[in-house]
Amino acid sequence: SMTPAPVTENRSIGIGLLITAMFTMTAMDAAVKWAVADYSLQQVNFIRSIAAIAVLTPLLWKNGGLRALHTTRPWGHVWRASLMLIISYTWFYALGRMKLADIGAIVMVSPLMITALSAPLLGEKVGLRRWIAVGIGFAGMLTIVRPGAGVFQPVALLAVTVAFGYALLILSNRANRAKESLAALTYYPLIGIFIVSGALTPLDWTQPTAGAWTAMVFIGVCAGIGHVCLTLAFRYASPPVLAPLEYTGLIWAILFGYWFFDELPDQWTVVGMVMIAS
C-alpha cells in the first residue's frame, strides 16, 4: 500500500524524549568544553564518533542491519556528512571559547531559522504571526551577540553558523524522512566525522588521561542517545508541540556553566534568551 505506517501520536512520550535529548546534549556540551581545553578538536571528534557509532549500532541492527544503510541518494549523504563536519568542528571550537549559556542561547535561533527556511526550501507556508515571532527571536539573538558593542566576540558568529547549519540538517531530515531510514540519516554523518577526524588525529594526538578518555566516550554516548531521542521525539509529537521544549536546554546550559565553569550569563544574555524563547 502507498500509505506509510501510522506514526503513533503520543505527546507525553514525545515531550519526555525531547527533554531527555536536551539534557544529554547540554551535558555533552559541558564535557566538550572541558575536553577541548587540553585536546585537539579532531581527537575529541574522532573518539566521539567511535563511541556514538557503538551506541547507534543496536539501532542499525533493529532497522535491518547493513540493508538499512542502502541508499538511493549517496550525494545527499555526502552533503549531510559535510554539513555535520562543519557543524561539529565549528561547535567544538566555539564551545572552548564562549560561555555555555551564551553559545546555547545563540544556537536556539536554529528553530527560527528552520521556520524561515522551510518556506523557500520546502515550500511550507509560514504565516505573518510566525514571521513576527521569527523577527523577535532574531532581535534576541542580536542582543546576545551584540555586533556593535565592545564585548563582541567573533566566535559568536561561529555559533550563528552552527545554528544555520543545524537548521539545514533538520530540514534535510524532513525532506528525506520518507525515502531514507533513521539509521542511514544518523549513521552517515557520523561515518564522515570518523573518516575525516581519524585522518587528522595523528597530526596532534595527546595521550588522554583516564578522566579525558571517560569524557570523550561520554561525549559520544550522549551524542548518540541525544540524537536518537531527538529524532524519535518528532515521530511521537509535532514540531509546534516540541519546539518550545528545546529551550529547556538553556536552563541546563546556565546550571552546568555555573556548576562546572563558574560562569554566569550577563544581563543582556538573559534579555536575549527571554526574547528568543518568547
C-alpha atoms as a PDB file:
ATOM      1  CA  SER A   1       0.000   0.000   0.000  1.00  0.00           C
ATOM      2  CA  MET A   2       1.123   3.569  -0.612  1.00  0.00           C
ATOM      3  CA  THR A   3       0.192   4.887   2.827  1.00  0.00           C
ATOM      4  CA  PRO A   4       3.125   4.993   5.268  1.00  0.00           C
ATOM      5  CA  ALA A   5       2.784   3.143   8.564  1.00  0.00           C
ATOM      6  CA  PRO A   6       0.819   5.280  11.011  1.00  0.00           C
ATOM      7  CA  VAL A   7       3.047   7.160  13.429  1.00  0.00           C
ATOM      8  CA  THR A   8       1.648   6.797  16.920  1.00  0.00           C
ATOM      9  CA  GLU A   9       0.885  10.250  18.273  1.00  0.00           C
ATOM     10  CA  ASN A  10       1.817  10.210  21.917  1.00  0.00           C
ATOM     11  CA  ARG A  11       2.573  13.676  23.140  1.00  0.00           C
ATOM     12  CA  SER A  12       3.852  12.759  26.588  1.00  0.00           C
ATOM     13  CA  ILE A  13       6.380  10.270  25.160  1.00  0.00           C
ATOM     14  CA  GLY A  14       7.493  12.857  22.586  1.00  0.00           C
ATOM     15  CA  ILE A  15       7.861  15.530  25.255  1.00  0.00           C
ATOM     16  CA  GLY A  16       9.783  13.186  27.569  1.00  0.00           C
ATOM     17  CA  LEU A  17      12.138  12.188  24.748  1.00  0.00           C
ATOM     18  CA  LEU A  18      12.796  15.794  23.797  1.00  0.00           C
ATOM     19  CA  ILE A  19      13.553  16.922  27.358  1.00  0.00           C
ATOM     20  CA  THR A  20      15.910  13.929  27.718  1.00  0.00           C
ATOM     21  CA  ALA A  21      17.608  14.887  24.436  1.00  0.00           C
ATOM     22  CA  MET A  22      18.157  18.494  25.552  1.00  0.00           C
ATOM     23  CA  PHE A  23      19.589  17.370  28.900  1.00  0.00           C
ATOM     24  CA  THR A  24      22.023  14.839  27.369  1.00  0.00           C
ATOM     25  CA  MET A  25      23.115  17.244  24.638  1.00  0.00           C
ATOM     26  CA  THR A  26      23.823  20.043  27.111  1.00  0.00           C
ATOM     27  CA  ALA A  27      25.765  17.589  29.316  1.00  0.00           C
ATOM     28  CA  MET A  28      27.708  16.674  26.176  1.00  0.00           C
ATOM     29  CA  ASP A  29      28.463  20.356  25.503  1.00  0.00           C
ATOM     30  CA  ALA A  30      29.832  20.772  29.029  1.00  0.00           C
ATOM     31  CA  ALA A  31      32.100  17.731  28.546  1.00  0.00           C
ATOM     32  CA  VAL A  32      33.262  19.052  25.146  1.00  0.00           C
ATOM     33  CA  LYS A  33      34.081  22.448  26.666  1.00  0.00           C
ATOM     34  CA  TRP A  34      36.199  20.675  29.268  1.00  0.00           C
ATOM     35  CA  ALA A  35      37.922  18.312  26.794  1.00  0.00           C
ATOM     36  CA  VAL A  36      38.832  20.845  24.075  1.00  0.00           C
ATOM     37  CA  ALA A  37      40.792  22.851  26.632  1.00  0.00           C
ATOM     38  CA  ASP A  38      43.506  20.133  26.548  1.00  0.00           C
ATOM     39  CA  TYR A  39      42.897  18.010  23.439  1.00  0.00           C
ATOM     40  CA  SER A  40      42.637  18.763  19.723  1.00  0.00           C
ATOM     41  CA  LEU A  41      39.225  19.133  18.087  1.00  0.00           C
ATOM     42  CA  GLN A  42      39.902  16.202  15.761  1.00  0.00           C
ATOM     43  CA  GLN A  43      40.913  13.913  18.628  1.00  0.00           C
ATOM     44  CA  VAL A  44      37.754  14.693  20.601  1.00  0.00           C
ATOM     45  CA  ASN A  45      35.652  14.282  17.427  1.00  0.00           C
ATOM     46  CA  PHE A  46      37.375  11.007  16.488  1.00  0.00           C
ATOM     47  CA  ILE A  47      36.806   9.313  19.856  1.00  0.00           C
ATOM     48  CA  ARG A  48      33.295  10.763  20.000  1.00  0.00           C
ATOM     49  CA  SER A  49      32.404   9.332  16.576  1.00  0.00           C
ATOM     50  CA  ILE A  50      33.564   5.834  17.579  1.00  0.00           C
ATOM     51  CA  ALA A  51      31.551   5.943  20.819  1.00  0.00           C
ATOM     52  CA  ALA A  52      28.459   7.319  19.031  1.00  0.00           C
ATOM     53  CA  ILE A  53      28.683   4.651  16.293  1.00  0.00           C
ATOM     54  CA  ALA A  54      28.916   1.974  19.007  1.00  0.00           C
ATOM     55  CA  VAL A  55      25.820   3.339  20.762  1.00  0.00           C
ATOM     56  CA  LEU A  56      23.870   3.504  17.492  1.00  0.00           C
ATOM     57  CA  THR A  57      24.803   0.032  16.214  1.00  0.00           C
ATOM     58  CA  PRO A  58      21.888  -1.707  18.029  1.00  0.00           C
ATOM     59  CA  LEU A  59      19.577   0.782  16.279  1.00  0.00           C
ATOM     60  CA  LEU A  60      21.157  -0.175  12.957  1.00  0.00           C
ATOM     61  CA  TRP A  61      20.557  -3.914  13.522  1.00  0.00           C
ATOM     62  CA  LYS A  62      16.988  -3.265  14.623  1.00  0.00           C
ATOM     63  CA  ASN A  63      16.500  -1.399  11.338  1.00  0.00           C
ATOM     64  CA  GLY A  64      17.681  -4.403   9.307  1.00  0.00           C
ATOM     65  CA  GLY A  65      21.471  -4.291   9.624  1.00  0.00           C
ATOM     66  CA  LEU A  66      23.573  -3.058   6.730  1.00  0.00           C
ATOM     67  CA  ARG A  67      20.491  -3.124   4.477  1.00  0.00           C
ATOM     68  CA  ALA A  68      19.224  -0.092   6.384  1.00  0.00           C
ATOM     69  CA  LEU A  69      22.231   1.827   5.070  1.00  0.00           C
ATOM     70  CA  HIS A  70      21.246   1.121   1.468  1.00  0.00           C
ATOM     71  CA  THR A  71      20.677   4.494  -0.133  1.00  0.00           C
ATOM     72  CA  THR A  72      19.421   5.797  -3.452  1.00  0.00           C
ATOM     73  CA  ARG A  73      20.881   9.237  -2.800  1.00  0.00           C
ATOM     74  CA  PRO A  74      24.594   8.969  -1.952  1.00  0.00           C
ATOM     75  CA  TRP A  75      25.246  12.653  -2.702  1.00  0.00           C
ATOM     76  CA  GLY A  76      22.553  13.653  -0.226  1.00  0.00           C
ATOM     77  CA  HIS A  77      24.501  11.815   2.457  1.00  0.00           C
ATOM     78  CA  VAL A  78      27.818  13.328   1.372  1.00  0.00           C
ATOM     79  CA  TRP A  79      26.190  16.774   1.688  1.00  0.00           C
ATOM     80  CA  ARG A  80      24.778  15.909   5.138  1.00  0.00           C
ATOM     81  CA  ALA A  81      28.111  14.488   6.325  1.00  0.00           C
ATOM     82  CA  SER A  82      29.936  17.643   5.147  1.00  0.00           C
ATOM     83  CA  LEU A  83      27.378  19.775   6.959  1.00  0.00           C
ATOM     84  CA  MET A  84      27.817  17.703  10.117  1.00  0.00           C
ATOM     85  CA  LEU A  85      31.623  18.044   9.926  1.00  0.00           C
ATOM     86  CA  ILE A  86      31.415  21.817   9.612  1.00  0.00           C
ATOM     87  CA  ILE A  87      28.884  21.987  12.447  1.00  0.00           C
ATOM     88  CA  SER A  88      30.797  19.773  14.866  1.00  0.00           C
ATOM     89  CA  TYR A  89      34.219  21.379  14.338  1.00  0.00           C
ATOM     90  CA  THR A  90      32.793  24.903  14.493  1.00  0.00           C
ATOM     91  CA  TRP A  91      30.711  23.995  17.544  1.00  0.00           C
ATOM     92  CA  PHE A  92      33.582  22.364  19.460  1.00  0.00           C
ATOM     93  CA  TYR A  93      35.875  25.295  18.673  1.00  0.00           C
ATOM     94  CA  ALA A  94      33.298  27.855  19.834  1.00  0.00           C
ATOM     95  CA  LEU A  95      32.457  25.841  22.977  1.00  0.00           C
ATOM     96  CA  GLY A  96      36.072  26.139  24.076  1.00  0.00           C
ATOM     97  CA  ARG A  97      35.894  29.928  23.812  1.00  0.00           C
ATOM     98  CA  MET A  98      32.436  31.026  24.943  1.00  0.00           C
ATOM     99  CA  LYS A  99      30.210  30.752  27.989  1.00  0.00           C
ATOM    100  CA  LEU A 100      27.923  27.707  27.840  1.00  0.00           C
ATOM    101  CA  ALA A 101      24.816  29.833  28.329  1.00  0.00           C
ATOM    102  CA  ASP A 102      25.820  32.359  25.630  1.00  0.00           C
ATOM    103  CA  ILE A 103      26.556  29.758  22.973  1.00  0.00           C
ATOM    104  CA  GLY A 104      23.476  27.742  23.995  1.00  0.00           C
ATOM    105  CA  ALA A 105      21.253  30.784  23.585  1.00  0.00           C
ATOM    106  CA  ILE A 106      22.631  31.742  20.171  1.00  0.00           C
ATOM    107  CA  VAL A 107      22.119  28.213  18.832  1.00  0.00           C
ATOM    108  CA  MET A 108      18.497  28.451  19.971  1.00  0.00           C
ATOM    109  CA  VAL A 109      17.765  30.662  16.947  1.00  0.00           C
ATOM    110  CA  SER A 110      18.017  27.468  14.951  1.00  0.00           C
ATOM    111  CA  PRO A 111      14.259  26.668  15.280  1.00  0.00           C
ATOM    112  CA  LEU A 112      13.583  30.208  13.995  1.00  0.00           C
ATOM    113  CA  MET A 113      15.880  29.613  11.019  1.00  0.00           C
ATOM    114  CA  ILE A 114      14.089  26.305  10.394  1.00  0.00           C
ATOM    115  CA  THR A 115      10.781  28.198  10.268  1.00  0.00           C
ATOM    116  CA  ALA A 116      12.176  30.891   7.978  1.00  0.00           C
ATOM    117  CA  LEU A 117      13.938  28.449   5.625  1.00  0.00           C
ATOM    118  CA  SER A 118      11.077  25.943   5.393  1.00  0.00           C
ATOM    119  CA  ALA A 119       9.187  28.472   3.226  1.00  0.00           C
ATOM    120  CA  PRO A 120      11.752  28.796   0.402  1.00  0.00           C
ATOM    121  CA  LEU A 121      13.332  25.320   0.717  1.00  0.00           C
ATOM    122  CA  LEU A 122      10.380  23.019   1.461  1.00  0.00           C
ATOM    123  CA  GLY A 123       7.561  25.203   0.171  1.00  0.00           C
ATOM    124  CA  GLU A 124       5.783  25.139   3.554  1.00  0.00           C
ATOM    125  CA  LYS A 125       3.521  28.018   4.475  1.00  0.00           C
ATOM    126  CA  VAL A 126       4.743  30.463   7.113  1.00  0.00           C
ATOM    127  CA  GLY A 127       2.092  32.970   8.208  1.00  0.00           C
ATOM    128  CA  LEU A 128       2.540  36.585   9.305  1.00  0.00           C
ATOM    129  CA  ARG A 129       2.392  35.740  13.021  1.00  0.00           C
ATOM    130  CA  ARG A 130       5.252  33.285  12.599  1.00  0.00           C
ATOM    131  CA  TRP A 131       7.349  35.838  10.700  1.00  0.00           C
ATOM    132  CA  ILE A 132       6.841  38.337  13.539  1.00  0.00           C
ATOM    133  CA  ALA A 133       7.895  35.679  16.071  1.00  0.00           C
ATOM    134  CA  VAL A 134      10.981  34.897  13.994  1.00  0.00           C
ATOM    135  CA  GLY A 135      11.805  38.626  13.886  1.00  0.00           C
ATOM    136  CA  ILE A 136      11.605  38.952  17.688  1.00  0.00           C
ATOM    137  CA  GLY A 137      13.779  35.861  18.080  1.00  0.00           C
ATOM    138  CA  PHE A 138      16.454  37.207  15.738  1.00  0.00           C
ATOM    139  CA  ALA A 139      16.432  40.502  17.646  1.00  0.00           C
ATOM    140  CA  GLY A 140      17.010  38.425  20.797  1.00  0.00           C
ATOM    141  CA  MET A 141      19.987  36.739  19.159  1.00  0.00           C
ATOM    142  CA  LEU A 142      21.472  40.125  18.211  1.00  0.00           C
ATOM    143  CA  THR A 143      21.021  41.243  21.828  1.00  0.00           C
ATOM    144  CA  ILE A 144      23.252  38.357  22.931  1.00  0.00           C
ATOM    145  CA  VAL A 145      25.772  38.655  20.071  1.00  0.00           C
ATOM    146  CA  ARG A 146      25.790  42.497  20.262  1.00  0.00           C
ATOM    147  CA  PRO A 147      27.660  43.095  16.982  1.00  0.00           C
ATOM    148  CA  GLY A 148      28.364  46.774  17.727  1.00  0.00           C
ATOM    149  CA  ALA A 149      29.359  46.518  21.376  1.00  0.00           C
ATOM    150  CA  GLY A 150      32.868  46.341  22.777  1.00  0.00           C
ATOM    151  CA  VAL A 151      32.237  42.840  24.155  1.00  0.00           C
ATOM    152  CA  PHE A 152      31.552  41.415  20.696  1.00  0.00           C
ATOM    153  CA  GLN A 153      33.421  38.161  20.094  1.00  0.00           C
ATOM    154  CA  PRO A 154      33.964  36.999  16.509  1.00  0.00           C
ATOM    155  CA  VAL A 155      33.475  33.491  17.980  1.00  0.00           C
ATOM    156  CA  ALA A 156      29.794  34.365  18.392  1.00  0.00           C
ATOM    157  CA  LEU A 157      29.477  34.372  14.586  1.00  0.00           C
ATOM    158  CA  LEU A 158      30.647  30.752  14.613  1.00  0.00           C
ATOM    159  CA  ALA A 159      27.752  29.916  16.939  1.00  0.00           C
ATOM    160  CA  VAL A 160      25.382  31.597  14.474  1.00  0.00           C
ATOM    161  CA  THR A 161      26.935  29.495  11.673  1.00  0.00           C
ATOM    162  CA  VAL A 162      26.279  26.341  13.725  1.00  0.00           C
ATOM    163  CA  ALA A 163      22.632  27.352  14.194  1.00  0.00           C
ATOM    164  CA  PHE A 164      22.297  27.852  10.428  1.00  0.00           C
ATOM    165  CA  GLY A 165      23.998  24.525   9.618  1.00  0.00           C
ATOM    166  CA  TYR A 166      21.835  22.705  12.153  1.00  0.00           C
ATOM    167  CA  ALA A 167      18.715  24.235  10.583  1.00  0.00           C
ATOM    168  CA  LEU A 168      19.789  22.945   7.148  1.00  0.00           C
ATOM    169  CA  LEU A 169      20.444  19.492   8.629  1.00  0.00           C
ATOM    170  CA  ILE A 170      16.990  19.316  10.269  1.00  0.00           C
ATOM    171  CA  LEU A 171      15.347  20.453   7.014  1.00  0.00           C
ATOM    172  CA  SER A 172      17.179  17.715   5.127  1.00  0.00           C
ATOM    173  CA  ASN A 173      15.928  15.218   7.768  1.00  0.00           C
ATOM    174  CA  ARG A 174      12.406  16.349   6.973  1.00  0.00           C
ATOM    175  CA  ALA A 175      12.955  16.275   3.214  1.00  0.00           C
ATOM    176  CA  ASN A 176      14.423  12.745   3.320  1.00  0.00           C
ATOM    177  CA  ARG A 177      12.263  11.121   6.005  1.00  0.00           C
ATOM    178  CA  ALA A 178      10.085   9.222   3.529  1.00  0.00           C
ATOM    179  CA  LYS A 179      12.989   7.927   1.450  1.00  0.00           C
ATOM    180  CA  GLU A 180      15.798   7.180   3.918  1.00  0.00           C
ATOM    181  CA  SER A 181      15.887   5.125   7.128  1.00  0.00           C
ATOM    182  CA  LEU A 182      16.505   6.646  10.563  1.00  0.00           C
ATOM    183  CA  ALA A 183      19.717   4.604  10.707  1.00  0.00           C
ATOM    184  CA  ALA A 184      21.022   5.991   7.407  1.00  0.00           C
ATOM    185  CA  LEU A 185      20.214   9.592   8.335  1.00  0.00           C
ATOM    186  CA  THR A 186      22.014   9.189  11.679  1.00  0.00           C
ATOM    187  CA  TYR A 187      24.899   6.959  10.608  1.00  0.00           C
ATOM    188  CA  TYR A 188      26.351   8.573   7.502  1.00  0.00           C
ATOM    189  CA  PRO A 189      27.200  11.923   9.140  1.00  0.00           C
ATOM    190  CA  LEU A 190      28.983  10.007  11.929  1.00  0.00           C
ATOM    191  CA  ILE A 191      30.939   7.947   9.404  1.00  0.00           C
ATOM    192  CA  GLY A 192      32.008  11.216   7.762  1.00  0.00           C
ATOM    193  CA  ILE A 193      33.267  12.561  11.101  1.00  0.00           C
ATOM    194  CA  PHE A 194      35.021   9.236  11.822  1.00  0.00           C
ATOM    195  CA  ILE A 195      36.906   9.232   8.487  1.00  0.00           C
ATOM    196  CA  VAL A 196      37.970  12.899   8.462  1.00  0.00           C
ATOM    197  CA  SER A 197      38.826  13.112  12.170  1.00  0.00           C
ATOM    198  CA  GLY A 198      40.626   9.773  12.007  1.00  0.00           C
ATOM    199  CA  ALA A 199      42.792  11.135   9.186  1.00  0.00           C
ATOM    200  CA  LEU A 200      43.563  14.355  11.105  1.00  0.00           C
ATOM    201  CA  THR A 201      44.026  12.880  14.595  1.00  0.00           C
ATOM    202  CA  PRO A 202      47.643  11.646  14.165  1.00  0.00           C
ATOM    203  CA  LEU A 203      48.701  15.263  13.455  1.00  0.00           C
ATOM    204  CA  ASP A 204      48.086  16.274  17.044  1.00  0.00           C
ATOM    205  CA  TRP A 205      47.497  13.300  19.338  1.00  0.00           C
ATOM    206  CA  THR A 206      47.802  13.738  23.113  1.00  0.00           C
ATOM    207  CA  GLN A 207      47.618  10.569  25.174  1.00  0.00           C
ATOM    208  CA  PRO A 208      44.409  11.134  27.185  1.00  0.00           C
ATOM    209  CA  THR A 209      44.260  10.737  30.954  1.00  0.00           C
ATOM    210  CA  ALA A 210      41.660   8.325  32.353  1.00  0.00           C
ATOM    211  CA  GLY A 211      39.378  11.296  33.021  1.00  0.00           C
ATOM    212  CA  ALA A 212      39.744  12.555  29.461  1.00  0.00           C
ATOM    213  CA  TRP A 213      39.013   9.111  27.959  1.00  0.00           C
ATOM    214  CA  THR A 214      35.869   8.992  30.087  1.00  0.00           C
ATOM    215  CA  ALA A 215      34.854  12.498  28.979  1.00  0.00           C
ATOM    216  CA  MET A 216      35.388  11.760  25.276  1.00  0.00           C
ATOM    217  CA  VAL A 217      33.485   8.460  25.384  1.00  0.00           C
ATOM    218  CA  PHE A 218      30.756  10.224  27.424  1.00  0.00           C
ATOM    219  CA  ILE A 219      30.546  12.867  24.644  1.00  0.00           C
ATOM    220  CA  GLY A 220      29.946  10.146  22.049  1.00  0.00           C
ATOM    221  CA  VAL A 221      27.409   8.259  24.143  1.00  0.00           C
ATOM    222  CA  CYS A 222      25.488  11.489  24.840  1.00  0.00           C
ATOM    223  CA  ALA A 223      25.637  12.418  21.146  1.00  0.00           C
ATOM    224  CA  GLY A 224      24.212   9.022  20.173  1.00  0.00           C
ATOM    225  CA  ILE A 225      21.480   8.950  22.813  1.00  0.00           C
ATOM    226  CA  GLY A 226      20.616  12.623  22.293  1.00  0.00           C
ATOM    227  CA  HIS A 227      20.342  12.217  18.541  1.00  0.00           C
ATOM    228  CA  VAL A 228      18.089   9.152  18.773  1.00  0.00           C
ATOM    229  CA  CYS A 229      15.838  10.783  21.405  1.00  0.00           C
ATOM    230  CA  LEU A 230      15.603  13.927  19.280  1.00  0.00           C
ATOM    231  CA  THR A 231      14.721  12.036  16.082  1.00  0.00           C
ATOM    232  CA  LEU A 232      12.215   9.765  17.846  1.00  0.00           C
ATOM    233  CA  ALA A 233      10.569  12.668  19.675  1.00  0.00           C
ATOM    234  CA  PHE A 234       9.410  14.113  16.341  1.00  0.00           C
ATOM    235  CA  ARG A 235       7.791  10.768  15.476  1.00  0.00           C
ATOM    236  CA  TYR A 236       5.581  10.951  18.581  1.00  0.00           C
ATOM    237  CA  ALA A 237       4.719  14.657  18.661  1.00  0.00           C
ATOM    238  CA  SER A 238       4.529  17.505  16.168  1.00  0.00           C
ATOM    239  CA  PRO A 239       7.202  20.235  15.824  1.00  0.00           C
ATOM    240  CA  PRO A 240       4.942  23.014  17.248  1.00  0.00           C
ATOM    241  CA  VAL A 241       4.462  20.932  20.434  1.00  0.00           C
ATOM    242  CA  LEU A 242       8.168  20.147  20.781  1.00  0.00           C
ATOM    243  CA  ALA A 243       9.897  23.315  19.569  1.00  0.00           C
ATOM    244  CA  PRO A 244       9.310  25.339  22.772  1.00  0.00           C
ATOM    245  CA  LEU A 245      10.777  22.492  24.850  1.00  0.00           C
ATOM    246  CA  GLU A 246      14.133  22.877  23.085  1.00  0.00           C
ATOM    247  CA  TYR A 247      14.554  25.909  25.333  1.00  0.00           C
ATOM    248  CA  THR A 248      14.844  23.655  28.402  1.00  0.00           C
ATOM    249  CA  GLY A 249      18.405  23.212  27.119  1.00  0.00           C
ATOM    250  CA  LEU A 250      19.090  26.815  28.150  1.00  0.00           C
ATOM    251  CA  ILE A 251      18.234  26.032  31.776  1.00  0.00           C
ATOM    252  CA  TRP A 252      20.813  23.236  31.773  1.00  0.00           C
ATOM    253  CA  ALA A 253      23.350  25.445  29.994  1.00  0.00           C
ATOM    254  CA  ILE A 254      23.072  28.094  32.721  1.00  0.00           C
ATOM    255  CA  LEU A 255      23.252  25.490  35.524  1.00  0.00           C
ATOM    256  CA  PHE A 256      26.157  23.490  34.060  1.00  0.00           C
ATOM    257  CA  GLY A 257      28.018  26.702  33.196  1.00  0.00           C
ATOM    258  CA  TYR A 258      27.684  27.841  36.785  1.00  0.00           C
ATOM    259  CA  TRP A 259      28.451  24.490  38.445  1.00  0.00           C
ATOM    260  CA  PHE A 260      31.408  23.393  36.314  1.00  0.00           C
ATOM    261  CA  PHE A 261      32.926  26.589  34.917  1.00  0.00           C
ATOM    262  CA  ASP A 262      31.870  29.322  37.382  1.00  0.00           C
ATOM    263  CA  GLU A 263      30.109  31.213  34.593  1.00  0.00           C
ATOM    264  CA  LEU A 264      27.053  33.374  34.966  1.00  0.00           C
ATOM    265  CA  PRO A 265      25.292  34.898  31.942  1.00  0.00           C
ATOM    266  CA  ASP A 266      25.265  38.710  31.895  1.00  0.00           C
ATOM    267  CA  GLN A 267      22.011  40.687  31.894  1.00  0.00           C
ATOM    268  CA  TRP A 268      21.971  41.120  28.084  1.00  0.00           C
ATOM    269  CA  THR A 269      22.241  37.375  27.549  1.00  0.00           C
ATOM    270  CA  VAL A 270      19.263  36.902  29.862  1.00  0.00           C
ATOM    271  CA  VAL A 271      17.251  39.553  27.988  1.00  0.00           C
ATOM    272  CA  GLY A 272      18.136  37.910  24.656  1.00  0.00           C
ATOM    273  CA  MET A 273      17.213  34.457  25.970  1.00  0.00           C
ATOM    274  CA  VAL A 274      13.785  35.700  27.051  1.00  0.00           C
ATOM    275  CA  MET A 275      13.226  37.279  23.602  1.00  0.00           C
ATOM    276  CA  ILE A 276      14.243  34.101  21.763  1.00  0.00           C
ATOM    277  CA  ALA A 277      12.218  31.792  24.000  1.00  0.00           C
ATOM    278  CA  SER A 278       9.125  34.016  23.844  1.00  0.00           C
END
